[in-house]
Amino acid sequence: MLKIAAKEGDETEYWLLLCQHSSGYPFDPILISKLISIKKLLSSIISKMKSQLKT
């Protein structure tokens, strides 16, 4: 389930960056910043869970 959330984060980042480079769409840099923080958190949780499953 967390891997799905991480993939959704990647897709969301793609669309937000597309909006950034398109003149007709609104862009909010705060959204990118928050998204990056969420993606880092998800990545950390996933890696910790993987290491715990190995032991």
N, C-alpha and C. Protein backbone atom coordinates (compact mmCIF):
# COMPACT_ATOMS: atom_id res chain seq x y z
N MET A 1 0.81 -1.19 0.00
CA MET A 1 0.00 0.00 0.00
C MET A 1 0.86 1.26 0.00
N LEU A 2 1.97 1.24 0.73
CA LEU A 2 2.85 2.40 0.76
C LEU A 2 3.56 2.59 -0.58
N LYS A 3 3.85 1.48 -1.26
CA LYS A 3 4.47 1.59 -2.57
C LYS A 3 3.53 2.28 -3.55
N ILE A 4 2.26 2.00 -3.43
CA ILE A 4 1.27 2.65 -4.29
C ILE A 4 1.26 4.15 -4.00
N ALA A 5 1.31 4.51 -2.73
CA ALA A 5 1.33 5.92 -2.36
C ALA A 5 2.57 6.61 -2.92
N ALA A 6 3.71 5.91 -2.89
CA ALA A 6 4.94 6.48 -3.44
C ALA A 6 4.82 6.68 -4.95
N LYS A 7 4.23 5.72 -5.64
CA LYS A 7 4.04 5.86 -7.08
C LYS A 7 3.09 7.01 -7.40
N GLU A 8 2.05 7.16 -6.59
CA GLU A 8 1.12 8.27 -6.78
C GLU A 8 1.83 9.61 -6.56
N GLY A 9 2.75 9.63 -5.61
CA GLY A 9 3.55 10.84 -5.38
C GLY A 9 4.39 11.19 -6.59
N ASP A 10 4.98 10.17 -7.21
CA ASP A 10 5.77 10.40 -8.43
C ASP A 10 4.90 10.97 -9.54
N GLU A 11 3.72 10.40 -9.69
CA GLU A 11 2.82 10.87 -10.75
C GLU A 11 2.34 12.30 -10.46
N THR A 12 2.05 12.59 -9.21
CA THR A 12 1.63 13.93 -8.84
C THR A 12 2.74 14.94 -9.13
N GLU A 13 3.97 14.55 -8.82
CA GLU A 13 5.11 15.44 -9.10
C GLU A 13 5.22 15.71 -10.60
N TYR A 14 5.02 14.68 -11.40
CA TYR A 14 5.07 14.83 -12.86
C TYR A 14 4.05 15.88 -13.32
N TRP A 15 2.81 15.75 -12.84
CA TRP A 15 1.76 16.68 -13.27
C TRP A 15 2.01 18.09 -12.76
N LEU A 16 2.51 18.22 -11.54
CA LEU A 16 2.80 19.55 -11.02
C LEU A 16 3.92 20.22 -11.80
N LEU A 17 4.93 19.45 -12.17
CA LEU A 17 6.02 20.02 -12.97
C LEU A 17 5.54 20.38 -14.37
N LEU A 18 4.62 19.60 -14.90
CA LEU A 18 4.02 19.92 -16.20
C LEU A 18 3.28 21.26 -16.11
N CYS A 19 2.55 21.46 -15.03
CA CYS A 19 1.85 22.73 -14.83
C CYS A 19 2.84 23.89 -14.72
N GLN A 20 3.97 23.62 -14.09
CA GLN A 20 4.99 24.67 -13.93
C GLN A 20 5.49 25.15 -15.29
N HIS A 21 5.62 24.25 -16.24
CA HIS A 21 6.18 24.59 -17.55
C HIS A 21 5.12 24.93 -18.58
N SER A 22 3.86 24.92 -18.19
CA SER A 22 2.77 25.27 -19.11
C SER A 22 2.21 26.63 -18.70
N SER A 23 2.05 27.50 -19.67
CA SER A 23 1.64 28.87 -19.34
C SER A 23 0.18 28.97 -18.92
N GLY A 24 -0.67 28.08 -19.35
CA GLY A 24 -2.10 28.20 -19.07
C GLY A 24 -2.56 27.57 -17.77
N TYR A 25 -1.64 27.02 -16.97
CA TYR A 25 -2.04 26.32 -15.75
C TYR A 25 -1.41 26.98 -14.54
N PRO A 26 -2.14 26.98 -13.42
CA PRO A 26 -1.58 27.58 -12.20
C PRO A 26 -0.48 26.69 -11.62
N PHE A 27 0.48 27.31 -10.98
CA PHE A 27 1.57 26.57 -10.35
C PHE A 27 1.84 27.17 -8.98
N ASP A 28 1.97 26.32 -7.99
CA ASP A 28 2.26 26.76 -6.63
C ASP A 28 3.50 26.01 -6.14
N PRO A 29 4.63 26.70 -5.99
CA PRO A 29 5.86 26.02 -5.55
C PRO A 29 5.75 25.39 -4.17
N ILE A 30 4.83 25.86 -3.36
CA ILE A 30 4.64 25.28 -2.03
C ILE A 30 4.14 23.84 -2.15
N LEU A 31 3.31 23.58 -3.16
CA LEU A 31 2.82 22.21 -3.37
C LEU A 31 3.97 21.25 -3.68
N ILE A 32 4.89 21.69 -4.53
CA ILE A 32 6.06 20.85 -4.86
C ILE A 32 6.87 20.59 -3.60
N SER A 33 7.09 21.63 -2.81
CA SER A 33 7.86 21.49 -1.58
C SER A 33 7.21 20.49 -0.62
N LYS A 34 5.91 20.60 -0.44
CA LYS A 34 5.20 19.68 0.45
C LYS A 34 5.22 18.26 -0.11
N LEU A 35 5.06 18.15 -1.42
CA LEU A 35 5.08 16.83 -2.05
C LEU A 35 6.43 16.15 -1.86
N ILE A 36 7.51 16.90 -2.02
CA ILE A 36 8.85 16.33 -1.84
C ILE A 36 9.03 15.84 -0.40
N SER A 37 8.53 16.60 0.55
CA SER A 37 8.60 16.17 1.96
C SER A 37 7.82 14.88 2.18
N ILE A 38 6.65 14.79 1.60
CA ILE A 38 5.83 13.58 1.74
C ILE A 38 6.52 12.39 1.08
N LYS A 39 7.10 12.61 -0.10
CA LYS A 39 7.79 11.52 -0.79
C LYS A 39 8.99 11.03 0.01
N LYS A 40 9.73 11.93 0.63
CA LYS A 40 10.86 11.54 1.47
C LYS A 40 10.39 10.72 2.67
N LEU A 41 9.30 11.15 3.26
CA LEU A 41 8.74 10.43 4.41
C LEU A 41 8.31 9.02 4.01
N LEU A 42 7.60 8.91 2.89
CA LEU A 42 7.17 7.60 2.40
C LEU A 42 8.37 6.70 2.11
N SER A 43 9.38 7.27 1.48
CA SER A 43 10.58 6.50 1.15
C SER A 43 11.26 5.99 2.41
N SER A 44 11.34 6.83 3.41
CA SER A 44 11.95 6.43 4.68
C SER A 44 11.15 5.30 5.35
N ILE A 45 9.85 5.43 5.36
CA ILE A 45 9.00 4.39 5.97
C ILE A 45 9.15 3.07 5.22
N ILE A 46 9.14 3.13 3.90
CA ILE A 46 9.27 1.92 3.08
C ILE A 46 10.61 1.24 3.33
N SER A 47 11.69 2.01 3.36
CA SER A 47 13.00 1.39 3.56
C SER A 47 13.13 0.80 4.96
N LYS A 48 12.58 1.46 5.97
CA LYS A 48 12.62 0.92 7.33
C LYS A 48 11.81 -0.37 7.44
N MET A 49 10.66 -0.39 6.77
CA MET A 49 9.84 -1.60 6.79
C MET A 49 10.55 -2.76 6.10
N LYS A 50 11.23 -2.47 4.99
CA LYS A 50 11.97 -3.52 4.28
C LYS A 50 13.08 -4.08 5.16
N SER A 51 13.80 -3.19 5.85
CA SER A 51 14.90 -3.68 6.69
C SER A 51 14.37 -4.47 7.88
N GLN A 52 13.22 -4.11 8.41
CA GLN A 52 12.63 -4.86 9.52
C GLN A 52 12.13 -6.22 9.07
N LEU A 53 11.65 -6.31 7.85
CA LEU A 53 11.16 -7.59 7.35
C LEU A 53 12.31 -8.57 7.12
N LYS A 54 13.51 -8.05 6.84
CA LYS A 54 14.66 -8.92 6.59
C LYS A 54 15.18 -9.54 7.88
N THR A 55 14.96 -8.88 9.01
CA THR A 55 15.49 -9.40 10.28
C THR A 55 14.50 -10.28 10.99
